[in-house]
């Protein structure tokens, strides 16, 4: 079982993503902002699924930088309703475009967490 941190400022999207991942057998934590997510990061997290565009001091892109710096082995899936610039993230970061389905989310997580 993988432990996944779901980060999204939109409560509906966050809760649905959390539900899908838990239904797939993952252990999940949730945060409503990138800043809140930083407080939950530790070595027990296998992957972060984060929205790219969020209000506040940090957005999902900033969070990805912090995760890479502090916990480089954590897998990352970035969710965005906008096109993401090529080269913005390293090739290990999965980009999932909104709207997405259950199968697309599961496949993206499986690509960043081997055995997920």
PDB file of N, CA and C in Angstrom:
ATOM      1  N   UNK A   1       0.848  -1.182   0.000  1.00  0.00           N
ATOM      2  CA  UNK A   1       0.000   0.000   0.000  1.00  0.00           C
ATOM      3  C   UNK A   1       0.887   1.235   0.000  1.00  0.00           C
ATOM      4  N   UNK A   2       0.576   2.163  -0.860  1.00  0.00           N
ATOM      5  CA  UNK A   2       1.320   3.412  -0.954  1.00  0.00           C
ATOM      6  C   UNK A   2       0.645   4.488  -0.120  1.00  0.00           C
ATOM      7  N   UNK A   3       1.439   5.393   0.401  1.00  0.00           N
ATOM      8  CA  UNK A   3       0.906   6.542   1.154  1.00  0.00           C
ATOM      9  C   UNK A   3       1.008   7.768   0.253  1.00  0.00           C
ATOM     10  N   UNK A   4      -0.133   8.386  -0.009  1.00  0.00           N
ATOM     11  CA  UNK A   4      -0.204   9.481  -0.981  1.00  0.00           C
ATOM     12  C   UNK A   4      -0.790  10.720  -0.332  1.00  0.00           C
ATOM     13  N   UNK A   5      -0.124  11.842  -0.561  1.00  0.00           N
ATOM     14  CA  UNK A   5      -0.585  13.145  -0.099  1.00  0.00           C
ATOM     15  C   UNK A   5      -1.304  13.829  -1.257  1.00  0.00           C
ATOM     16  N   UNK A   6      -2.580  14.143  -1.062  1.00  0.00           N
ATOM     17  CA  UNK A   6      -3.407  14.805  -2.070  1.00  0.00           C
ATOM     18  C   UNK A   6      -3.533  16.279  -1.686  1.00  0.00           C
ATOM     19  N   UNK A   7      -3.163  17.171  -2.617  1.00  0.00           N
ATOM     20  CA  UNK A   7      -3.156  18.607  -2.334  1.00  0.00           C
ATOM     21  C   UNK A   7      -3.981  19.336  -3.390  1.00  0.00           C
ATOM     22  N   UNK A   8      -5.059  19.961  -2.955  1.00  0.00           N
ATOM     23  CA  UNK A   8      -5.900  20.739  -3.870  1.00  0.00           C
ATOM     24  C   UNK A   8      -6.728  21.717  -3.052  1.00  0.00           C
ATOM     25  N   UNK A   9      -6.819  22.942  -3.508  1.00  0.00           N
ATOM     26  CA  UNK A   9      -7.606  23.947  -2.793  1.00  0.00           C
ATOM     27  C   UNK A   9      -9.102  23.761  -3.024  1.00  0.00           C
ATOM     28  N   UNK A  10      -9.470  23.039  -4.072  1.00  0.00           N
ATOM     29  CA  UNK A  10     -10.876  22.783  -4.373  1.00  0.00           C
ATOM     30  C   UNK A  10     -11.310  21.547  -3.583  1.00  0.00           C
ATOM     31  N   UNK A  11     -12.192  21.755  -2.619  1.00  0.00           N
ATOM     32  CA  UNK A  11     -12.598  20.668  -1.721  1.00  0.00           C
ATOM     33  C   UNK A  11     -13.195  19.485  -2.476  1.00  0.00           C
ATOM     34  N   UNK A  12     -14.020  19.732  -3.475  1.00  0.00           N
ATOM     35  CA  UNK A  12     -14.651  18.655  -4.229  1.00  0.00           C
ATOM     36  C   UNK A  12     -13.599  17.809  -4.956  1.00  0.00           C
ATOM     37  N   UNK A  13     -12.690  18.463  -5.650  1.00  0.00           N
ATOM     38  CA  UNK A  13     -11.635  17.738  -6.380  1.00  0.00           C
ATOM     39  C   UNK A  13     -10.744  16.976  -5.398  1.00  0.00           C
ATOM     40  N   UNK A  14     -10.376  17.634  -4.310  1.00  0.00           N
ATOM     41  CA  UNK A  14      -9.520  16.997  -3.287  1.00  0.00           C
ATOM     42  C   UNK A  14     -10.204  15.754  -2.719  1.00  0.00           C
ATOM     43  N   UNK A  15     -11.473  15.877  -2.357  1.00  0.00           N
ATOM     44  CA  UNK A  15     -12.192  14.751  -1.763  1.00  0.00           C
ATOM     45  C   UNK A  15     -12.403  13.612  -2.757  1.00  0.00           C
ATOM     46  N   UNK A  16     -12.710  13.936  -4.002  1.00  0.00           N
ATOM     47  CA  UNK A  16     -12.909  12.891  -5.010  1.00  0.00           C
ATOM     48  C   UNK A  16     -11.588  12.172  -5.321  1.00  0.00           C
ATOM     49  N   UNK A  17     -10.511  12.927  -5.430  1.00  0.00           N
ATOM     50  CA  UNK A  17      -9.198  12.320  -5.676  1.00  0.00           C
ATOM     51  C   UNK A  17      -8.819  11.415  -4.512  1.00  0.00           C
ATOM     52  N   UNK A  18      -9.052  11.896  -3.301  1.00  0.00           N
ATOM     53  CA  UNK A  18      -8.789  11.112  -2.093  1.00  0.00           C
ATOM     54  C   UNK A  18      -9.617   9.827  -2.098  1.00  0.00           C
ATOM     55  N   UNK A  19     -10.892   9.922  -2.407  1.00  0.00           N
ATOM     56  CA  UNK A  19     -11.785   8.763  -2.423  1.00  0.00           C
ATOM     57  C   UNK A  19     -11.324   7.720  -3.446  1.00  0.00           C
ATOM     58  N   UNK A  20     -10.973   8.178  -4.636  1.00  0.00           N
ATOM     59  CA  UNK A  20     -10.508   7.258  -5.683  1.00  0.00           C
ATOM     60  C   UNK A  20      -9.240   6.538  -5.236  1.00  0.00           C
ATOM     61  N   UNK A  21      -8.311   7.272  -4.665  1.00  0.00           N
ATOM     62  CA  UNK A  21      -7.046   6.661  -4.246  1.00  0.00           C
ATOM     63  C   UNK A  21      -7.257   5.694  -3.081  1.00  0.00           C
ATOM     64  N   UNK A  22      -8.095   6.074  -2.120  1.00  0.00           N
ATOM     65  CA  UNK A  22      -8.381   5.170  -0.997  1.00  0.00           C
ATOM     66  C   UNK A  22      -9.104   3.918  -1.485  1.00  0.00           C
ATOM     67  N   UNK A  23     -10.017   4.080  -2.436  1.00  0.00           N
ATOM     68  CA  UNK A  23     -10.744   2.942  -2.999  1.00  0.00           C
ATOM     69  C   UNK A  23      -9.818   1.994  -3.759  1.00  0.00           C
ATOM     70  N   UNK A  24      -8.692   2.530  -4.216  1.00  0.00           N
ATOM     71  CA  UNK A  24      -7.698   1.720  -4.928  1.00  0.00           C
ATOM     72  C   UNK A  24      -6.702   1.073  -3.967  1.00  0.00           C
ATOM     73  N   UNK A  25      -6.906   1.279  -2.662  1.00  0.00           N
ATOM     74  CA  UNK A  25      -6.062   0.629  -1.672  1.00  0.00           C
ATOM     75  C   UNK A  25      -4.919   1.455  -1.125  1.00  0.00           C
ATOM     76  N   UNK A  26      -4.880   2.734  -1.465  1.00  0.00           N
ATOM     77  CA  UNK A  26      -3.817   3.602  -0.965  1.00  0.00           C
ATOM     78  C   UNK A  26      -4.204   4.218   0.382  1.00  0.00           C
ATOM     79  N   UNK A  27      -3.204   4.515   1.174  1.00  0.00           N
ATOM     80  CA  UNK A  27      -3.376   5.283   2.407  1.00  0.00           C
ATOM     81  C   UNK A  27      -3.180   6.745   1.999  1.00  0.00           C
ATOM     82  N   UNK A  28      -4.077   7.622   2.380  1.00  0.00           N
ATOM     83  CA  UNK A  28      -3.986   9.010   1.914  1.00  0.00           C
ATOM     84  C   UNK A  28      -4.002  10.004   3.064  1.00  0.00           C
ATOM     85  N   UNK A  29      -3.402  11.140   2.778  1.00  0.00           N
ATOM     86  CA  UNK A  29      -3.488  12.344   3.596  1.00  0.00           C
ATOM     87  C   UNK A  29      -3.945  13.436   2.644  1.00  0.00           C
ATOM     88  N   UNK A  30      -4.613  14.474   3.166  1.00  0.00           N
ATOM     89  CA  UNK A  30      -5.023  15.572   2.303  1.00  0.00           C
ATOM     90  C   UNK A  30      -4.595  16.902   2.886  1.00  0.00           C
ATOM     91  N   UNK A  31      -4.409  17.862   1.990  1.00  0.00           N
ATOM     92  CA  UNK A  31      -4.092  19.238   2.375  1.00  0.00           C
ATOM     93  C   UNK A  31      -4.793  20.165   1.398  1.00  0.00           C
ATOM     94  N   UNK A  32      -5.234  21.321   1.911  1.00  0.00           N
ATOM     95  CA  UNK A  32      -5.952  22.270   1.059  1.00  0.00           C
ATOM     96  C   UNK A  32      -5.063  23.369   0.495  1.00  0.00           C
ATOM     97  N   UNK A  33      -3.756  23.280   0.750  1.00  0.00           N
ATOM     98  CA  UNK A  33      -2.817  24.258   0.196  1.00  0.00           C
ATOM     99  C   UNK A  33      -1.421  23.651   0.155  1.00  0.00           C
ATOM    100  N   UNK A  34      -0.567  24.243  -0.645  1.00  0.00           N
ATOM    101  CA  UNK A  34       0.823  23.790  -0.712  1.00  0.00           C
ATOM    102  C   UNK A  34       1.519  24.014   0.626  1.00  0.00           C
ATOM    103  N   UNK A  35       1.208  25.113   1.282  1.00  0.00           N
ATOM    104  CA  UNK A  35       1.813  25.410   2.583  1.00  0.00           C
ATOM    105  C   UNK A  35       1.423  24.352   3.612  1.00  0.00           C
ATOM    106  N   UNK A  36       0.151  23.974   3.648  1.00  0.00           N
ATOM    107  CA  UNK A  36      -0.303  22.929   4.572  1.00  0.00           C
ATOM    108  C   UNK A  36       0.361  21.594   4.243  1.00  0.00           C
ATOM    109  N   UNK A  37       0.547  21.324   2.964  1.00  0.00           N
ATOM    110  CA  UNK A  37       1.171  20.065   2.544  1.00  0.00           C
ATOM    111  C   UNK A  37       2.602  19.945   3.055  1.00  0.00           C
ATOM    112  N   UNK A  38       3.324  21.059   3.086  1.00  0.00           N
ATOM    113  CA  UNK A  38       4.711  21.025   3.575  1.00  0.00           C
ATOM    114  C   UNK A  38       4.788  20.475   4.993  1.00  0.00           C
ATOM    115  N   UNK A  39       3.811  20.797   5.812  1.00  0.00           N
ATOM    116  CA  UNK A  39       3.791  20.328   7.191  1.00  0.00           C
ATOM    117  C   UNK A  39       3.504  18.843   7.321  1.00  0.00           C
ATOM    118  N   UNK A  40       2.996  18.227   6.255  1.00  0.00           N
ATOM    119  CA  UNK A  40       2.669  16.800   6.285  1.00  0.00           C
ATOM    120  C   UNK A  40       3.732  15.926   5.638  1.00  0.00           C
ATOM    121  N   UNK A  41       4.669  16.551   4.939  1.00  0.00           N
ATOM    122  CA  UNK A  41       5.692  15.780   4.230  1.00  0.00           C
ATOM    123  C   UNK A  41       6.669  15.116   5.194  1.00  0.00           C
ATOM    124  N   UNK A  42       6.899  13.840   4.956  1.00  0.00           N
ATOM    125  CA  UNK A  42       7.942  13.115   5.681  1.00  0.00           C
ATOM    126  C   UNK A  42       8.302  11.881   4.859  1.00  0.00           C
ATOM    127  N   UNK A  43       9.196  11.070   5.390  1.00  0.00           N
ATOM    128  CA  UNK A  43       9.673   9.893   4.663  1.00  0.00           C
ATOM    129  C   UNK A  43       8.619   8.820   4.440  1.00  0.00           C
ATOM    130  N   UNK A  44       7.472   8.928   5.102  1.00  0.00           N
ATOM    131  CA  UNK A  44       6.434   7.906   4.933  1.00  0.00           C
ATOM    132  C   UNK A  44       5.585   8.134   3.680  1.00  0.00           C
ATOM    133  N   UNK A  45       5.730   9.288   3.048  1.00  0.00           N
ATOM    134  CA  UNK A  45       4.952   9.626   1.850  1.00  0.00           C
ATOM    135  C   UNK A  45       5.623   9.009   0.619  1.00  0.00           C
ATOM    136  N   UNK A  46       4.843   8.276  -0.175  1.00  0.00           N
ATOM    137  CA  UNK A  46       5.363   7.680  -1.408  1.00  0.00           C
ATOM    138  C   UNK A  46       5.130   8.573  -2.622  1.00  0.00           C
ATOM    139  N   UNK A  47       4.042   9.367  -2.578  1.00  0.00           N
ATOM    140  CA  UNK A  47       3.711  10.219  -3.718  1.00  0.00           C
ATOM    141  C   UNK A  47       2.898  11.419  -3.258  1.00  0.00           C
ATOM    142  N   UNK A  48       3.018  12.490  -4.042  1.00  0.00           N
ATOM    143  CA  UNK A  48       2.208  13.693  -3.859  1.00  0.00           C
ATOM    144  C   UNK A  48       1.422  13.889  -5.142  1.00  0.00           C
ATOM    145  N   UNK A  49       0.106  14.042  -5.000  1.00  0.00           N
ATOM    146  CA  UNK A  49      -0.768  14.384  -6.125  1.00  0.00           C
ATOM    147  C   UNK A  49      -1.242  15.797  -5.828  1.00  0.00           C
ATOM    148  N   UNK A  50      -0.789  16.762  -6.633  1.00  0.00           N
ATOM    149  CA  UNK A  50      -1.076  18.164  -6.331  1.00  0.00           C
ATOM    150  C   UNK A  50      -1.635  18.926  -7.517  1.00  0.00           C
ATOM    151  N   UNK A  51      -2.569  19.809  -7.209  1.00  0.00           N
ATOM    152  CA  UNK A  51      -3.051  20.765  -8.202  1.00  0.00           C
ATOM    153  C   UNK A  51      -1.916  21.734  -8.475  1.00  0.00           C
ATOM    154  N   UNK A  52      -1.829  22.242  -9.685  1.00  0.00           N
ATOM    155  CA  UNK A  52      -0.772  23.184 -10.025  1.00  0.00           C
ATOM    156  C   UNK A  52      -1.123  24.595  -9.572  1.00  0.00           C
ATOM    157  N   UNK A  53      -2.334  25.043  -9.870  1.00  0.00           N
ATOM    158  CA  UNK A  53      -2.721  26.418  -9.595  1.00  0.00           C
ATOM    159  C   UNK A  53      -3.543  26.483  -8.316  1.00  0.00           C
ATOM    160  N   UNK A  54      -2.951  27.092  -7.289  1.00  0.00           N
ATOM    161  CA  UNK A  54      -3.645  27.256  -6.009  1.00  0.00           C
ATOM    162  C   UNK A  54      -3.316  28.637  -5.463  1.00  0.00           C
ATOM    163  N   UNK A  55      -4.272  29.250  -4.773  1.00  0.00           N
ATOM    164  CA  UNK A  55      -4.003  30.559  -4.180  1.00  0.00           C
ATOM    165  C   UNK A  55      -3.077  30.420  -2.969  1.00  0.00           C
ATOM    166  N   UNK A  56      -2.527  31.529  -2.545  1.00  0.00           N
ATOM    167  CA  UNK A  56      -1.691  31.523  -1.348  1.00  0.00           C
ATOM    168  C   UNK A  56      -0.242  31.817  -1.672  1.00  0.00           C
ATOM    169  N   UNK A  57       0.592  31.644  -0.666  1.00  0.00           N
ATOM    170  CA  UNK A  57       2.017  31.939  -0.804  1.00  0.00           C
ATOM    171  C   UNK A  57       2.713  31.019  -1.796  1.00  0.00           C
ATOM    172  N   UNK A  58       2.252  29.790  -1.881  1.00  0.00           N
ATOM    173  CA  UNK A  58       2.863  28.790  -2.748  1.00  0.00           C
ATOM    174  C   UNK A  58       1.802  28.139  -3.621  1.00  0.00           C
ATOM    175  N   UNK A  59       2.192  27.781  -4.837  1.00  0.00           N
ATOM    176  CA  UNK A  59       1.296  26.992  -5.673  1.00  0.00           C
ATOM    177  C   UNK A  59       1.877  25.583  -5.801  1.00  0.00           C
ATOM    178  N   UNK A  60       1.265  24.762  -6.613  1.00  0.00           N
ATOM    179  CA  UNK A  60       1.729  23.386  -6.778  1.00  0.00           C
ATOM    180  C   UNK A  60       3.130  23.293  -7.353  1.00  0.00           C
ATOM    181  N   UNK A  61       3.483  24.223  -8.221  1.00  0.00           N
ATOM    182  CA  UNK A  61       4.837  24.235  -8.779  1.00  0.00           C
ATOM    183  C   UNK A  61       5.888  24.471  -7.707  1.00  0.00           C
ATOM    184  N   UNK A  62       5.593  25.396  -6.798  1.00  0.00           N
ATOM    185  CA  UNK A  62       6.504  25.646  -5.676  1.00  0.00           C
ATOM    186  C   UNK A  62       6.610  24.400  -4.795  1.00  0.00           C
ATOM    187  N   UNK A  63       5.477  23.742  -4.567  1.00  0.00           N
ATOM    188  CA  UNK A  63       5.472  22.533  -3.754  1.00  0.00           C
ATOM    189  C   UNK A  63       6.346  21.454  -4.377  1.00  0.00           C
ATOM    190  N   UNK A  64       6.251  21.287  -5.681  1.00  0.00           N
ATOM    191  CA  UNK A  64       7.089  20.297  -6.372  1.00  0.00           C
ATOM    192  C   UNK A  64       8.567  20.580  -6.100  1.00  0.00           C
ATOM    193  N   UNK A  65       8.970  21.845  -6.167  1.00  0.00           N
ATOM    194  CA  UNK A  65      10.361  22.200  -5.888  1.00  0.00           C
ATOM    195  C   UNK A  65      10.785  21.812  -4.483  1.00  0.00           C
ATOM    196  N   UNK A  66       9.927  22.072  -3.508  1.00  0.00           N
ATOM    197  CA  UNK A  66      10.242  21.721  -2.117  1.00  0.00           C
ATOM    198  C   UNK A  66      10.317  20.202  -1.928  1.00  0.00           C
ATOM    199  N   UNK A  67       9.393  19.479  -2.554  1.00  0.00           N
ATOM    200  CA  UNK A  67       9.406  18.021  -2.445  1.00  0.00           C
ATOM    201  C   UNK A  67      10.694  17.472  -3.049  1.00  0.00           C
ATOM    202  N   UNK A  68      11.058  17.935  -4.223  1.00  0.00           N
ATOM    203  CA  UNK A  68      12.272  17.462  -4.893  1.00  0.00           C
ATOM    204  C   UNK A  68      13.518  17.754  -4.057  1.00  0.00           C
ATOM    205  N   UNK A  69      13.530  18.914  -3.426  1.00  0.00           N
ATOM    206  CA  UNK A  69      14.683  19.312  -2.617  1.00  0.00           C
ATOM    207  C   UNK A  69      14.792  18.484  -1.336  1.00  0.00           C
ATOM    208  N   UNK A  70      13.693  18.298  -0.644  1.00  0.00           N
ATOM    209  CA  UNK A  70      13.714  17.635   0.668  1.00  0.00           C
ATOM    210  C   UNK A  70      13.547  16.123   0.604  1.00  0.00           C
ATOM    211  N   UNK A  71      12.732  15.639  -0.355  1.00  0.00           N
ATOM    212  CA  UNK A  71      12.414  14.217  -0.448  1.00  0.00           C
ATOM    213  C   UNK A  71      12.446  13.788  -1.925  1.00  0.00           C
ATOM    214  N   UNK A  72      13.618  13.688  -2.516  1.00  0.00           N
ATOM    215  CA  UNK A  72      13.710  13.424  -3.955  1.00  0.00           C
ATOM    216  C   UNK A  72      13.122  12.086  -4.405  1.00  0.00           C
ATOM    217  N   UNK A  73      12.918  11.155  -3.492  1.00  0.00           N
ATOM    218  CA  UNK A  73      12.382   9.856  -3.900  1.00  0.00           C
ATOM    219  C   UNK A  73      10.851   9.827  -3.956  1.00  0.00           C
ATOM    220  N   UNK A  74      10.191  10.870  -3.473  1.00  0.00           N
ATOM    221  CA  UNK A  74       8.724  10.922  -3.512  1.00  0.00           C
ATOM    222  C   UNK A  74       8.260  11.136  -4.949  1.00  0.00           C
ATOM    223  N   UNK A  75       7.322  10.297  -5.402  1.00  0.00           N
ATOM    224  CA  UNK A  75       6.740  10.457  -6.727  1.00  0.00           C
ATOM    225  C   UNK A  75       5.791  11.646  -6.754  1.00  0.00           C
ATOM    226  N   UNK A  76       5.666  12.283  -7.912  1.00  0.00           N
ATOM    227  CA  UNK A  76       4.826  13.481  -8.006  1.00  0.00           C
ATOM    228  C   UNK A  76       3.921  13.412  -9.233  1.00  0.00           C
ATOM    229  N   UNK A  77       2.631  13.699  -8.996  1.00  0.00           N
ATOM    230  CA  UNK A  77       1.657  13.874 -10.069  1.00  0.00           C
ATOM    231  C   UNK A  77       1.122  15.292  -9.935  1.00  0.00           C
ATOM    232  N   UNK A  78       1.247  16.078 -11.006  1.00  0.00           N
ATOM    233  CA  UNK A  78       0.739  17.447 -11.030  1.00  0.00           C
ATOM    234  C   UNK A  78      -0.541  17.464 -11.855  1.00  0.00           C
ATOM    235  N   UNK A  79      -1.607  17.987 -11.253  1.00  0.00           N
ATOM    236  CA  UNK A  79      -2.901  18.100 -11.924  1.00  0.00           C
ATOM    237  C   UNK A  79      -3.089  19.552 -12.350  1.00  0.00           C
ATOM    238  N   UNK A  80      -3.514  19.732 -13.604  1.00  0.00           N
ATOM    239  CA  UNK A  80      -3.708  21.099 -14.073  1.00  0.00           C
ATOM    240  C   UNK A  80      -4.842  21.177 -15.087  1.00  0.00           C
ATOM    241  N   UNK A  81      -5.590  22.253 -15.000  1.00  0.00           N
ATOM    242  CA  UNK A  81      -6.619  22.541 -15.985  1.00  0.00           C
ATOM    243  C   UNK A  81      -6.068  23.388 -17.121  1.00  0.00           C
ATOM    244  N   UNK A  82      -4.800  23.749 -17.029  1.00  0.00           N
ATOM    245  CA  UNK A  82      -4.131  24.572 -18.038  1.00  0.00           C
ATOM    246  C   UNK A  82      -2.986  23.776 -18.631  1.00  0.00           C
ATOM    247  N   UNK A  83      -2.529  24.175 -19.812  1.00  0.00           N
ATOM    248  CA  UNK A  83      -1.386  23.463 -20.379  1.00  0.00           C
ATOM    249  C   UNK A  83      -0.145  23.808 -19.560  1.00  0.00           C
ATOM    250  N   UNK A  84       0.689  22.813 -19.340  1.00  0.00           N
ATOM    251  CA  UNK A  84       1.896  22.976 -18.544  1.00  0.00           C
ATOM    252  C   UNK A  84       3.075  23.109 -19.490  1.00  0.00           C
ATOM    253  N   UNK A  85       3.895  24.128 -19.256  1.00  0.00           N
ATOM    254  CA  UNK A  85       5.058  24.377 -20.107  1.00  0.00           C
ATOM    255  C   UNK A  85       5.957  23.160 -20.157  1.00  0.00           C
ATOM    256  N   UNK A  86       6.355  22.781 -21.372  1.00  0.00           N
ATOM    257  CA  UNK A  86       7.308  21.683 -21.517  1.00  0.00           C
ATOM    258  C   UNK A  86       8.595  22.075 -20.807  1.00  0.00           C
ATOM    259  N   UNK A  87       9.139  21.156 -20.061  1.00  0.00           N
ATOM    260  CA  UNK A  87      10.400  21.419 -19.367  1.00  0.00           C
ATOM    261  C   UNK A  87      10.243  22.096 -18.018  1.00  0.00           C
ATOM    262  N   UNK A  88       9.029  22.421 -17.611  1.00  0.00           N
ATOM    263  CA  UNK A  88       8.856  23.071 -16.316  1.00  0.00           C
ATOM    264  C   UNK A  88       9.238  22.129 -15.175  1.00  0.00           C
ATOM    265  N   UNK A  89       8.930  20.845 -15.357  1.00  0.00           N
ATOM    266  CA  UNK A  89       9.246  19.833 -14.357  1.00  0.00           C
ATOM    267  C   UNK A  89      10.129  18.770 -14.980  1.00  0.00           C
ATOM    268  N   UNK A  90      10.853  18.031 -14.125  1.00  0.00           N
ATOM    269  CA  UNK A  90      11.680  16.959 -14.665  1.00  0.00           C
ATOM    270  C   UNK A  90      10.790  15.842 -15.205  1.00  0.00           C
ATOM    271  N   UNK A  91      11.393  14.953 -15.975  1.00  0.00           N
ATOM    272  CA  UNK A  91      10.625  13.907 -16.658  1.00  0.00           C
ATOM    273  C   UNK A  91       9.971  12.909 -15.710  1.00  0.00           C
ATOM    274  N   UNK A  92      10.383  12.877 -14.465  1.00  0.00           N
ATOM    275  CA  UNK A  92       9.791  11.956 -13.489  1.00  0.00           C
ATOM    276  C   UNK A  92       8.443  12.461 -12.959  1.00  0.00           C
ATOM    277  N   UNK A  93       8.126  13.726 -13.199  1.00  0.00           N
ATOM    278  CA  UNK A  93       6.850  14.290 -12.751  1.00  0.00           C
ATOM    279  C   UNK A  93       5.783  13.969 -13.790  1.00  0.00           C
ATOM    280  N   UNK A  94       4.701  13.364 -13.343  1.00  0.00           N
ATOM    281  CA  UNK A  94       3.571  13.062 -14.219  1.00  0.00           C
ATOM    282  C   UNK A  94       2.648  14.276 -14.266  1.00  0.00           C
ATOM    283  N   UNK A  95       2.189  14.630 -15.455  1.00  0.00           N
ATOM    284  CA  UNK A  95       1.229  15.720 -15.631  1.00  0.00           C
ATOM    285  C   UNK A  95      -0.115  15.088 -15.976  1.00  0.00           C
ATOM    286  N   UNK A  96      -1.139  15.442 -15.211  1.00  0.00           N
ATOM    287  CA  UNK A  96      -2.486  14.926 -15.427  1.00  0.00           C
ATOM    288  C   UNK A  96      -3.397  16.113 -15.694  1.00  0.00           C
ATOM    289  N   UNK A  97      -3.957  16.144 -16.889  1.00  0.00           N
ATOM    290  CA  UNK A  97      -4.805  17.274 -17.269  1.00  0.00           C
ATOM    291  C   UNK A  97      -6.241  17.072 -16.819  1.00  0.00           C
ATOM    292  N   UNK A  98      -6.841  18.179 -16.316  1.00  0.00           N
ATOM    293  CA  UNK A  98      -8.267  18.172 -15.964  1.00  0.00           C
ATOM    294  C   UNK A  98      -9.073  18.366 -17.234  1.00  0.00           C
ATOM    295  N   UNK A  99     -10.201  17.758 -17.357  1.00  0.00           N
ATOM    296  CA  UNK A  99     -10.767  16.759 -16.453  1.00  0.00           C
ATOM    297  C   UNK A  99     -10.072  15.421 -16.683  1.00  0.00           C
ATOM    298  N   UNK A 100      -9.998  14.611 -15.632  1.00  0.00           N
ATOM    299  CA  UNK A 100      -9.368  13.302 -15.742  1.00  0.00           C
ATOM    300  C   UNK A 100     -10.303  12.257 -15.147  1.00  0.00           C
ATOM    301  N   UNK A 101     -10.096  11.017 -15.558  1.00  0.00           N
ATOM    302  CA  UNK A 101     -10.913   9.919 -15.061  1.00  0.00           C
ATOM    303  C   UNK A 101     -10.161   9.085 -14.038  1.00  0.00           C
ATOM    304  N   UNK A 102     -10.876   8.163 -13.444  1.00  0.00           N
ATOM    305  CA  UNK A 102     -10.305   7.275 -12.434  1.00  0.00           C
ATOM    306  C   UNK A 102      -9.115   6.508 -13.000  1.00  0.00           C
ATOM    307  N   UNK A 103      -9.265   5.968 -14.200  1.00  0.00           N
ATOM    308  CA  UNK A 103      -8.188   5.183 -14.805  1.00  0.00           C
ATOM    309  C   UNK A 103      -6.952   6.039 -15.068  1.00  0.00           C
ATOM    310  N   UNK A 104      -7.153   7.272 -15.499  1.00  0.00           N
ATOM    311  CA  UNK A 104      -6.013   8.157 -15.760  1.00  0.00           C
ATOM    312  C   UNK A 104      -5.273   8.484 -14.467  1.00  0.00           C
ATOM    313  N   UNK A 105      -6.009   8.739 -13.389  1.00  0.00           N
ATOM    314  CA  UNK A 105      -5.392   9.023 -12.097  1.00  0.00           C
ATOM    315  C   UNK A 105      -4.616   7.806 -11.604  1.00  0.00           C
ATOM    316  N   UNK A 106      -5.228   6.644 -11.670  1.00  0.00           N
ATOM    317  CA  UNK A 106      -4.566   5.417 -11.224  1.00  0.00           C
ATOM    318  C   UNK A 106      -3.299   5.142 -12.021  1.00  0.00           C
ATOM    319  N   UNK A 107      -3.360   5.351 -13.332  1.00  0.00           N
ATOM    320  CA  UNK A 107      -2.191   5.116 -14.182  1.00  0.00           C
ATOM    321  C   UNK A 107      -1.066   6.102 -13.862  1.00  0.00           C
ATOM    322  N   UNK A 108      -1.411   7.360 -13.630  1.00  0.00           N
ATOM    323  CA  UNK A 108      -0.399   8.364 -13.302  1.00  0.00           C
ATOM    324  C   UNK A 108       0.294   8.029 -11.987  1.00  0.00           C
ATOM    325  N   UNK A 109      -0.476   7.632 -10.992  1.00  0.00           N
ATOM    326  CA  UNK A 109       0.103   7.249  -9.689  1.00  0.00           C
ATOM    327  C   UNK A 109       0.989   6.020  -9.866  1.00  0.00           C
ATOM    328  N   UNK A 110       0.546   5.052 -10.635  1.00  0.00           N
ATOM    329  CA  UNK A 110       1.342   3.831 -10.858  1.00  0.00           C
ATOM    330  C   UNK A 110       2.676   4.147 -11.518  1.00  0.00           C
ATOM    331  N   UNK A 111       2.712   5.176 -12.369  1.00  0.00           N
ATOM    332  CA  UNK A 111       3.967   5.541 -13.035  1.00  0.00           C
ATOM    333  C   UNK A 111       4.969   6.192 -12.092  1.00  0.00           C
ATOM    334  N   UNK A 112       4.485   6.868 -11.042  1.00  0.00           N
ATOM    335  CA  UNK A 112       5.414   7.544 -10.117  1.00  0.00           C
ATOM    336  C   UNK A 112       5.715   6.729  -8.879  1.00  0.00           C
ATOM    337  N   UNK A 113       4.911   5.697  -8.617  1.00  0.00           N
ATOM    338  CA  UNK A 113       5.136   4.819  -7.455  1.00  0.00           C
ATOM    339  C   UNK A 113       5.160   3.381  -7.964  1.00  0.00           C
ATOM    340  N   UNK A 114       6.343   2.860  -8.226  1.00  0.00           N
ATOM    341  CA  UNK A 114       6.407   1.482  -8.706  1.00  0.00           C
ATOM    342  C   UNK A 114       5.703   0.528  -7.746  1.00  0.00           C
ATOM    343  N   UNK A 115       4.896  -0.358  -8.294  1.00  0.00           N
ATOM    344  CA  UNK A 115       4.166  -1.317  -7.468  1.00  0.00           C
ATOM    345  C   UNK A 115       2.873  -0.793  -6.903  1.00  0.00           C
ATOM    346  N   UNK A 116       2.516   0.453  -7.251  1.00  0.00           N
ATOM    347  CA  UNK A 116       1.283   1.055  -6.694  1.00  0.00           C
ATOM    348  C   UNK A 116       0.061   0.475  -7.362  1.00  0.00           C
TER     349      UNK A 116
END
